Amino acid sequence: MYSNLGVKTNPILVEQLGLIEYQKAWDYQREIQAGVIEGHIPNTLILLEHPSVYTAGRRTETHERPIDGTPVIDVDRGGKITWHGEGQLVGYPIIKLSNRNDVVGFVRELENALIAACSEFSVKTERYCERSGVWIRDAKSDRKIAAIGIRVAKGVTMHGFALNINPDMSAYDRISPCGFTDTGVTSLANELGRDIKVSEVLPVVERHILLALDRISE
């Protein structure tokens, strides 16, 4: 499916892949990224879910890994360890940045888009200083609802974001998510106090992410 918001002549290809193994999706990302770099594949946004899996970014330390022997996939994105699983919407924007050096700006655009998407479900979220991702900060605690980890090669992005919608949150108990020991994690379902499906949230996230990507892509 192509999306053209009317600002650029080049549409962004959107692929909704459903539930797909992490390694298979990672291989597919690399294939698309190579094509975008070479110019024969358009900027692409992949939206999907993963079966339960832990992935460790380049900054993950040994003590942050599961101590019970749970398998972890080491990946080439930034950041530390995190978890993916059903009930979590994962997005992989593979785009050529209009300013290939503005990686921080790209991350901020993703954060803004996810903050706007959460607000449509009456969940107030925000940034947290130098900690990437999207957070809820109130009198109860600081807790992360969306993680972001990316890699950029030759000005083209890969990896992306993971928004907790209604996953099994106990999976986070085995790790220090993103290396943080002084904060928690949450989901839209937890914050709303009701069941909510990925299919309900996906079109809202897609719309806001595409707006963000249109602003920063070449």
C-alpha atoms as a PDB file:
ATOM      1  CA  MET A   1       0.000   0.000   0.000  1.00  0.00           C
ATOM      2  CA  TYR A   2       1.364   3.422  -0.942  1.00  0.00           C
ATOM      3  CA  SER A   3       0.696   6.571   1.033  1.00  0.00           C
ATOM      4  CA  ASN A   4       1.134  10.004  -0.490  1.00  0.00           C
ATOM      5  CA  LEU A   5       0.215  12.861   1.822  1.00  0.00           C
ATOM      6  CA  GLY A   6       0.403  15.409  -0.957  1.00  0.00           C
ATOM      7  CA  VAL A   7       3.578  17.144   0.187  1.00  0.00           C
ATOM      8  CA  LYS A   8       6.139  15.141  -1.789  1.00  0.00           C
ATOM      9  CA  THR A   9       6.003  13.534  -5.202  1.00  0.00           C
ATOM     10  CA  ASN A  10       7.476  10.266  -3.927  1.00  0.00           C
ATOM     11  CA  PRO A  11       5.015   8.184  -1.914  1.00  0.00           C
ATOM     12  CA  ILE A  12       6.036   6.043   1.066  1.00  0.00           C
ATOM     13  CA  LEU A  13       5.346   2.338   0.711  1.00  0.00           C
ATOM     14  CA  VAL A  14       3.498   0.922   3.738  1.00  0.00           C
ATOM     15  CA  GLU A  15       3.669  -2.809   4.453  1.00  0.00           C
ATOM     16  CA  GLN A  16       1.543  -4.354   7.196  1.00  0.00           C
ATOM     17  CA  LEU A  17       3.063  -7.789   7.754  1.00  0.00           C
ATOM     18  CA  GLY A  18       1.125  -9.058  10.772  1.00  0.00           C
ATOM     19  CA  LEU A  19       2.989 -11.487  13.049  1.00  0.00           C
ATOM     20  CA  ILE A  20       6.496 -12.296  11.804  1.00  0.00           C
ATOM     21  CA  GLU A  21       9.637 -13.757  13.371  1.00  0.00           C
ATOM     22  CA  TYR A  22      12.215 -11.164  14.353  1.00  0.00           C
ATOM     23  CA  GLN A  23      15.117 -12.607  12.346  1.00  0.00           C
ATOM     24  CA  LYS A  24      13.016 -12.819   9.195  1.00  0.00           C
ATOM     25  CA  ALA A  25      11.912  -9.200   9.597  1.00  0.00           C
ATOM     26  CA  TRP A  26      15.484  -8.078  10.271  1.00  0.00           C
ATOM     27  CA  ASP A  27      16.713  -9.770   7.098  1.00  0.00           C
ATOM     28  CA  TYR A  28      13.877  -8.129   5.169  1.00  0.00           C
ATOM     29  CA  GLN A  29      14.762  -4.710   6.591  1.00  0.00           C
ATOM     30  CA  ARG A  30      18.336  -5.057   5.401  1.00  0.00           C
ATOM     31  CA  GLU A  31      17.135  -6.033   1.932  1.00  0.00           C
ATOM     32  CA  ILE A  32      14.876  -2.978   1.748  1.00  0.00           C
ATOM     33  CA  GLN A  33      17.523  -0.649   3.168  1.00  0.00           C
ATOM     34  CA  ALA A  34      19.990  -1.753   0.494  1.00  0.00           C
ATOM     35  CA  GLY A  35      17.351  -1.096  -2.156  1.00  0.00           C
ATOM     36  CA  VAL A  36      16.534   2.365  -0.811  1.00  0.00           C
ATOM     37  CA  ILE A  37      20.244   3.228  -0.723  1.00  0.00           C
ATOM     38  CA  GLU A  38      20.627   2.066  -4.334  1.00  0.00           C
ATOM     39  CA  GLY A  39      17.479   3.920  -5.371  1.00  0.00           C
ATOM     40  CA  HIS A  40      15.362   1.077  -6.753  1.00  0.00           C
ATOM     41  CA  ILE A  41      13.101   0.615  -3.689  1.00  0.00           C
ATOM     42  CA  PRO A  42      10.982   3.508  -2.343  1.00  0.00           C
ATOM     43  CA  ASN A  43      11.022   4.769   1.219  1.00  0.00           C
ATOM     44  CA  THR A  44       9.150   2.108   3.194  1.00  0.00           C
ATOM     45  CA  LEU A  45       7.313   1.836   6.506  1.00  0.00           C
ATOM     46  CA  ILE A  46       6.894  -1.703   7.853  1.00  0.00           C
ATOM     47  CA  LEU A  47       4.305  -2.309  10.600  1.00  0.00           C
ATOM     48  CA  LEU A  48       4.109  -5.684  12.343  1.00  0.00           C
ATOM     49  CA  GLU A  49       4.185  -7.724  15.546  1.00  0.00           C
ATOM     50  CA  HIS A  50       6.835 -10.214  16.646  1.00  0.00           C
ATOM     51  CA  PRO A  51       6.526 -13.459  18.592  1.00  0.00           C
ATOM     52  CA  SER A  52       8.182 -13.086  22.002  1.00  0.00           C
ATOM     53  CA  VAL A  53      11.877 -12.215  21.628  1.00  0.00           C
ATOM     54  CA  TYR A  54      14.596 -10.240  23.401  1.00  0.00           C
ATOM     55  CA  THR A  55      16.902  -8.084  21.296  1.00  0.00           C
ATOM     56  CA  ALA A  56      20.093  -6.404  22.486  1.00  0.00           C
ATOM     57  CA  GLY A  57      21.415  -3.219  20.923  1.00  0.00           C
ATOM     58  CA  ARG A  58      25.084  -2.333  20.713  1.00  0.00           C
ATOM     59  CA  ARG A  59      25.188  -0.657  24.139  1.00  0.00           C
ATOM     60  CA  THR A  60      23.760  -3.615  26.085  1.00  0.00           C
ATOM     61  CA  GLU A  61      25.890  -4.671  29.059  1.00  0.00           C
ATOM     62  CA  THR A  62      26.249  -8.229  30.313  1.00  0.00           C
ATOM     63  CA  HIS A  63      24.364  -7.660  33.574  1.00  0.00           C
ATOM     64  CA  GLU A  64      21.351  -6.310  31.657  1.00  0.00           C
ATOM     65  CA  ARG A  65      20.716  -9.608  29.884  1.00  0.00           C
ATOM     66  CA  PRO A  66      18.299 -12.272  31.237  1.00  0.00           C
ATOM     67  CA  ILE A  67      19.895 -14.312  34.006  1.00  0.00           C
ATOM     68  CA  ASP A  68      17.728 -17.378  33.333  1.00  0.00           C
ATOM     69  CA  GLY A  69      19.302 -18.269  29.995  1.00  0.00           C
ATOM     70  CA  THR A  70      16.507 -16.828  27.875  1.00  0.00           C
ATOM     71  CA  PRO A  71      17.841 -16.435  24.307  1.00  0.00           C
ATOM     72  CA  VAL A  72      18.725 -12.927  23.134  1.00  0.00           C
ATOM     73  CA  ILE A  73      19.299 -11.743  19.559  1.00  0.00           C
ATOM     74  CA  ASP A  74      22.168  -9.262  19.259  1.00  0.00           C
ATOM     75  CA  VAL A  75      21.301  -6.585  16.721  1.00  0.00           C
ATOM     76  CA  ASP A  76      23.029  -3.651  15.017  1.00  0.00           C
ATOM     77  CA  ARG A  77      20.746  -0.874  16.245  1.00  0.00           C
ATOM     78  CA  GLY A  78      21.569   1.676  18.905  1.00  0.00           C
ATOM     79  CA  GLY A  79      20.325   1.395  22.466  1.00  0.00           C
ATOM     80  CA  LYS A  80      20.266  -1.515  24.867  1.00  0.00           C
ATOM     81  CA  ILE A  81      18.141  -4.582  25.507  1.00  0.00           C
ATOM     82  CA  THR A  82      14.405  -4.683  24.988  1.00  0.00           C
ATOM     83  CA  TRP A  83      11.578  -7.140  24.418  1.00  0.00           C
ATOM     84  CA  HIS A  84       9.163  -7.619  21.519  1.00  0.00           C
ATOM     85  CA  GLY A  85       6.006  -9.700  21.561  1.00  0.00           C
ATOM     86  CA  GLU A  86       2.400  -9.995  20.490  1.00  0.00           C
ATOM     87  CA  GLY A  87       0.285  -7.054  21.560  1.00  0.00           C
ATOM     88  CA  GLN A  88       3.128  -4.652  20.771  1.00  0.00           C
ATOM     89  CA  LEU A  89       3.067  -2.642  17.535  1.00  0.00           C
ATOM     90  CA  VAL A  90       6.505  -2.479  15.935  1.00  0.00           C
ATOM     91  CA  GLY A  91       7.339  -0.023  13.182  1.00  0.00           C
ATOM     92  CA  TYR A  92      10.394  -0.044  10.933  1.00  0.00           C
ATOM     93  CA  PRO A  93      10.717   3.171   8.887  1.00  0.00           C
ATOM     94  CA  ILE A  94      13.306   2.591   6.164  1.00  0.00           C
ATOM     95  CA  ILE A  95      13.725   6.010   4.625  1.00  0.00           C
ATOM     96  CA  LYS A  96      16.350   8.227   3.062  1.00  0.00           C
ATOM     97  CA  LEU A  97      16.748  11.230   5.349  1.00  0.00           C
ATOM     98  CA  SER A  98      16.658  14.650   3.693  1.00  0.00           C
ATOM     99  CA  ASN A  99      19.405  15.607   6.169  1.00  0.00           C
ATOM    100  CA  ARG A 100      21.431  12.432   6.615  1.00  0.00           C
ATOM    101  CA  ASN A 101      23.272  13.899   9.617  1.00  0.00           C
ATOM    102  CA  ASP A 102      20.150  14.738  11.618  1.00  0.00           C
ATOM    103  CA  VAL A 103      19.666  11.385  13.333  1.00  0.00           C
ATOM    104  CA  VAL A 104      18.498  13.043  16.559  1.00  0.00           C
ATOM    105  CA  GLY A 105      15.882  14.960  14.591  1.00  0.00           C
ATOM    106  CA  PHE A 106      14.627  11.683  13.107  1.00  0.00           C
ATOM    107  CA  VAL A 107      14.245  10.154  16.579  1.00  0.00           C
ATOM    108  CA  ARG A 108      12.427  13.262  17.827  1.00  0.00           C
ATOM    109  CA  GLU A 109       9.991  13.067  14.919  1.00  0.00           C
ATOM    110  CA  LEU A 110       9.198   9.441  15.786  1.00  0.00           C
ATOM    111  CA  GLU A 111       8.675  10.414  19.425  1.00  0.00           C
ATOM    112  CA  ASN A 112       6.372  13.292  18.462  1.00  0.00           C
ATOM    113  CA  ALA A 113       4.327  11.012  16.212  1.00  0.00           C
ATOM    114  CA  LEU A 114       3.869   8.398  18.939  1.00  0.00           C
ATOM    115  CA  ILE A 115       3.000  11.069  21.503  1.00  0.00           C
ATOM    116  CA  ALA A 116       0.317  12.383  19.138  1.00  0.00           C
ATOM    117  CA  ALA A 117      -1.010   8.860  18.524  1.00  0.00           C
ATOM    118  CA  CYS A 118      -1.268   8.110  22.255  1.00  0.00           C
ATOM    119  CA  SER A 119      -3.120  11.379  22.812  1.00  0.00           C
ATOM    120  CA  GLU A 120      -5.891  10.184  20.497  1.00  0.00           C
ATOM    121  CA  PHE A 121      -6.555   7.472  23.095  1.00  0.00           C
ATOM    122  CA  SER A 122      -6.496  10.036  25.926  1.00  0.00           C
ATOM    123  CA  VAL A 123      -3.108   8.853  27.196  1.00  0.00           C
ATOM    124  CA  LYS A 124      -0.746  11.759  27.938  1.00  0.00           C
ATOM    125  CA  THR A 125       2.848  10.942  27.090  1.00  0.00           C
ATOM    126  CA  GLU A 126       6.056  12.927  26.722  1.00  0.00           C
ATOM    127  CA  ARG A 127       9.798  12.836  26.158  1.00  0.00           C
ATOM    128  CA  TYR A 128      12.190  12.168  29.039  1.00  0.00           C
ATOM    129  CA  CYS A 129      15.336  14.336  28.852  1.00  0.00           C
ATOM    130  CA  GLU A 130      18.112  12.376  27.134  1.00  0.00           C
ATOM    131  CA  ARG A 131      16.265   9.057  27.324  1.00  0.00           C
ATOM    132  CA  SER A 132      14.827   8.145  23.958  1.00  0.00           C
ATOM    133  CA  GLY A 133      11.346   6.791  23.568  1.00  0.00           C
ATOM    134  CA  VAL A 134       7.926   7.870  24.817  1.00  0.00           C
ATOM    135  CA  TRP A 135       7.124   8.060  28.510  1.00  0.00           C
ATOM    136  CA  ILE A 136       4.366   8.615  31.032  1.00  0.00           C
ATOM    137  CA  ARG A 137       5.567  10.702  33.967  1.00  0.00           C
ATOM    138  CA  ASP A 138       3.201  11.400  36.828  1.00  0.00           C
ATOM    139  CA  ALA A 139       2.890  11.109  40.589  1.00  0.00           C
ATOM    140  CA  LYS A 140       2.794   7.309  40.365  1.00  0.00           C
ATOM    141  CA  SER A 141       6.082   6.748  38.499  1.00  0.00           C
ATOM    142  CA  ASP A 142       8.077   7.229  35.319  1.00  0.00           C
ATOM    143  CA  ARG A 143       7.236   4.462  32.869  1.00  0.00           C
ATOM    144  CA  LYS A 144       8.057   3.849  29.234  1.00  0.00           C
ATOM    145  CA  ILE A 145       5.309   3.033  26.770  1.00  0.00           C
ATOM    146  CA  ALA A 146       7.317   3.100  23.514  1.00  0.00           C
ATOM    147  CA  ALA A 147      10.955   2.268  22.801  1.00  0.00           C
ATOM    148  CA  ILE A 148      13.024   3.575  19.895  1.00  0.00           C
ATOM    149  CA  GLY A 149      16.263   2.165  18.508  1.00  0.00           C
ATOM    150  CA  ILE A 150      17.631   2.874  15.050  1.00  0.00           C
ATOM    151  CA  ARG A 151      20.539   2.395  12.705  1.00  0.00           C
ATOM    152  CA  VAL A 152      21.470   4.680   9.811  1.00  0.00           C
ATOM    153  CA  ALA A 153      23.659   3.665   6.859  1.00  0.00           C
ATOM    154  CA  LYS A 154      24.426   6.077   4.006  1.00  0.00           C
ATOM    155  CA  GLY A 155      21.607   8.318   5.182  1.00  0.00           C
ATOM    156  CA  VAL A 156      18.980   5.542   5.176  1.00  0.00           C
ATOM    157  CA  THR A 157      17.340   4.409   8.418  1.00  0.00           C
ATOM    158  CA  MET A 158      16.321   0.981   9.674  1.00  0.00           C
ATOM    159  CA  HIS A 159      14.965  -0.552  12.898  1.00  0.00           C
ATOM    160  CA  GLY A 160      12.536   1.863  14.576  1.00  0.00           C
ATOM    161  CA  PHE A 161       9.936   1.887  17.361  1.00  0.00           C
ATOM    162  CA  ALA A 162       7.877  -0.477  19.505  1.00  0.00           C
ATOM    163  CA  LEU A 163       4.659   0.726  21.128  1.00  0.00           C
ATOM    164  CA  ASN A 164       3.179  -1.385  23.927  1.00  0.00           C
ATOM    165  CA  ILE A 165      -0.527  -1.721  23.283  1.00  0.00           C
ATOM    166  CA  ASN A 166      -1.689  -4.848  25.116  1.00  0.00           C
ATOM    167  CA  PRO A 167       1.274  -7.248  25.487  1.00  0.00           C
ATOM    168  CA  ASP A 168       2.126  -9.650  28.307  1.00  0.00           C
ATOM    169  CA  MET A 169       4.095  -7.196  30.440  1.00  0.00           C
ATOM    170  CA  SER A 170       5.628  -9.957  32.565  1.00  0.00           C
ATOM    171  CA  ALA A 171       8.190 -10.475  29.783  1.00  0.00           C
ATOM    172  CA  TYR A 172       9.928  -7.324  30.991  1.00  0.00           C
ATOM    173  CA  ASP A 173      10.546  -8.837  34.414  1.00  0.00           C
ATOM    174  CA  ARG A 174      13.617 -10.744  33.178  1.00  0.00           C
ATOM    175  CA  ILE A 175      15.518  -7.651  32.004  1.00  0.00           C
ATOM    176  CA  SER A 176      16.221  -3.997  32.704  1.00  0.00           C
ATOM    177  CA  PRO A 177      14.354  -2.590  29.691  1.00  0.00           C
ATOM    178  CA  CYS A 178      16.653  -0.314  27.686  1.00  0.00           C
ATOM    179  CA  GLY A 179      19.112  -0.528  30.584  1.00  0.00           C
ATOM    180  CA  PHE A 180      16.971   1.489  33.010  1.00  0.00           C
ATOM    181  CA  THR A 181      16.686   0.291  36.602  1.00  0.00           C
ATOM    182  CA  ASP A 182      14.943   3.361  38.053  1.00  0.00           C
ATOM    183  CA  THR A 183      11.885   3.365  35.789  1.00  0.00           C
ATOM    184  CA  GLY A 184       9.152   0.996  34.673  1.00  0.00           C
ATOM    185  CA  VAL A 185       7.282   0.014  31.530  1.00  0.00           C
ATOM    186  CA  THR A 186       3.621   0.247  30.694  1.00  0.00           C
ATOM    187  CA  SER A 187       1.104  -0.209  27.885  1.00  0.00           C
ATOM    188  CA  LEU A 188      -1.961   1.532  26.529  1.00  0.00           C
ATOM    189  CA  ALA A 189      -4.107  -1.221  28.058  1.00  0.00           C
ATOM    190  CA  ASN A 190      -2.566  -0.657  31.494  1.00  0.00           C
ATOM    191  CA  GLU A 191      -3.050   3.090  31.303  1.00  0.00           C
ATOM    192  CA  LEU A 192      -6.604   2.888  29.989  1.00  0.00           C
ATOM    193  CA  GLY A 193      -7.636   0.082  32.317  1.00  0.00           C
ATOM    194  CA  ARG A 194      -9.274  -1.814  29.479  1.00  0.00           C
ATOM    195  CA  ASP A 195      -8.498  -4.210  26.674  1.00  0.00           C
ATOM    196  CA  ILE A 196      -7.346  -2.599  23.456  1.00  0.00           C
ATOM    197  CA  LYS A 197      -6.310  -4.313  20.246  1.00  0.00           C
ATOM    198  CA  VAL A 198      -3.349  -3.609  17.977  1.00  0.00           C
ATOM    199  CA  SER A 199      -5.794  -3.331  15.054  1.00  0.00           C
ATOM    200  CA  GLU A 200      -7.484  -0.415  16.846  1.00  0.00           C
ATOM    201  CA  VAL A 201      -4.247   1.504  17.283  1.00  0.00           C
ATOM    202  CA  LEU A 202      -2.363   0.637  14.084  1.00  0.00           C
ATOM    203  CA  PRO A 203      -4.128   3.060  11.681  1.00  0.00           C
ATOM    204  CA  VAL A 204      -3.705   5.944  14.129  1.00  0.00           C
ATOM    205  CA  VAL A 205       0.014   5.269  14.567  1.00  0.00           C
ATOM    206  CA  GLU A 206       0.464   4.782  10.823  1.00  0.00           C
ATOM    207  CA  ARG A 207      -1.106   8.162  10.075  1.00  0.00           C
ATOM    208  CA  HIS A 208       1.061  10.078  12.541  1.00  0.00           C
ATOM    209  CA  ILE A 209       4.265   8.250  11.596  1.00  0.00           C
ATOM    210  CA  LEU A 210       3.691   8.927   7.896  1.00  0.00           C
ATOM    211  CA  LEU A 211       3.230  12.633   8.612  1.00  0.00           C
ATOM    212  CA  ALA A 212       6.523  12.628  10.482  1.00  0.00           C
ATOM    213  CA  LEU A 213       8.376  10.685   7.799  1.00  0.00           C
ATOM    214  CA  ASP A 214       7.082  13.011   5.102  1.00  0.00           C
ATOM    215  CA  ARG A 215       8.703  15.942   6.899  1.00  0.00           C
ATOM    216  CA  ILE A 216      12.174  14.394   7.129  1.00  0.00           C
ATOM    217  CA  SER A 217      12.506  12.027   4.174  1.00  0.00           C
ATOM    218  CA  GLU A 218      14.118  12.746   0.836  1.00  0.00           C
END
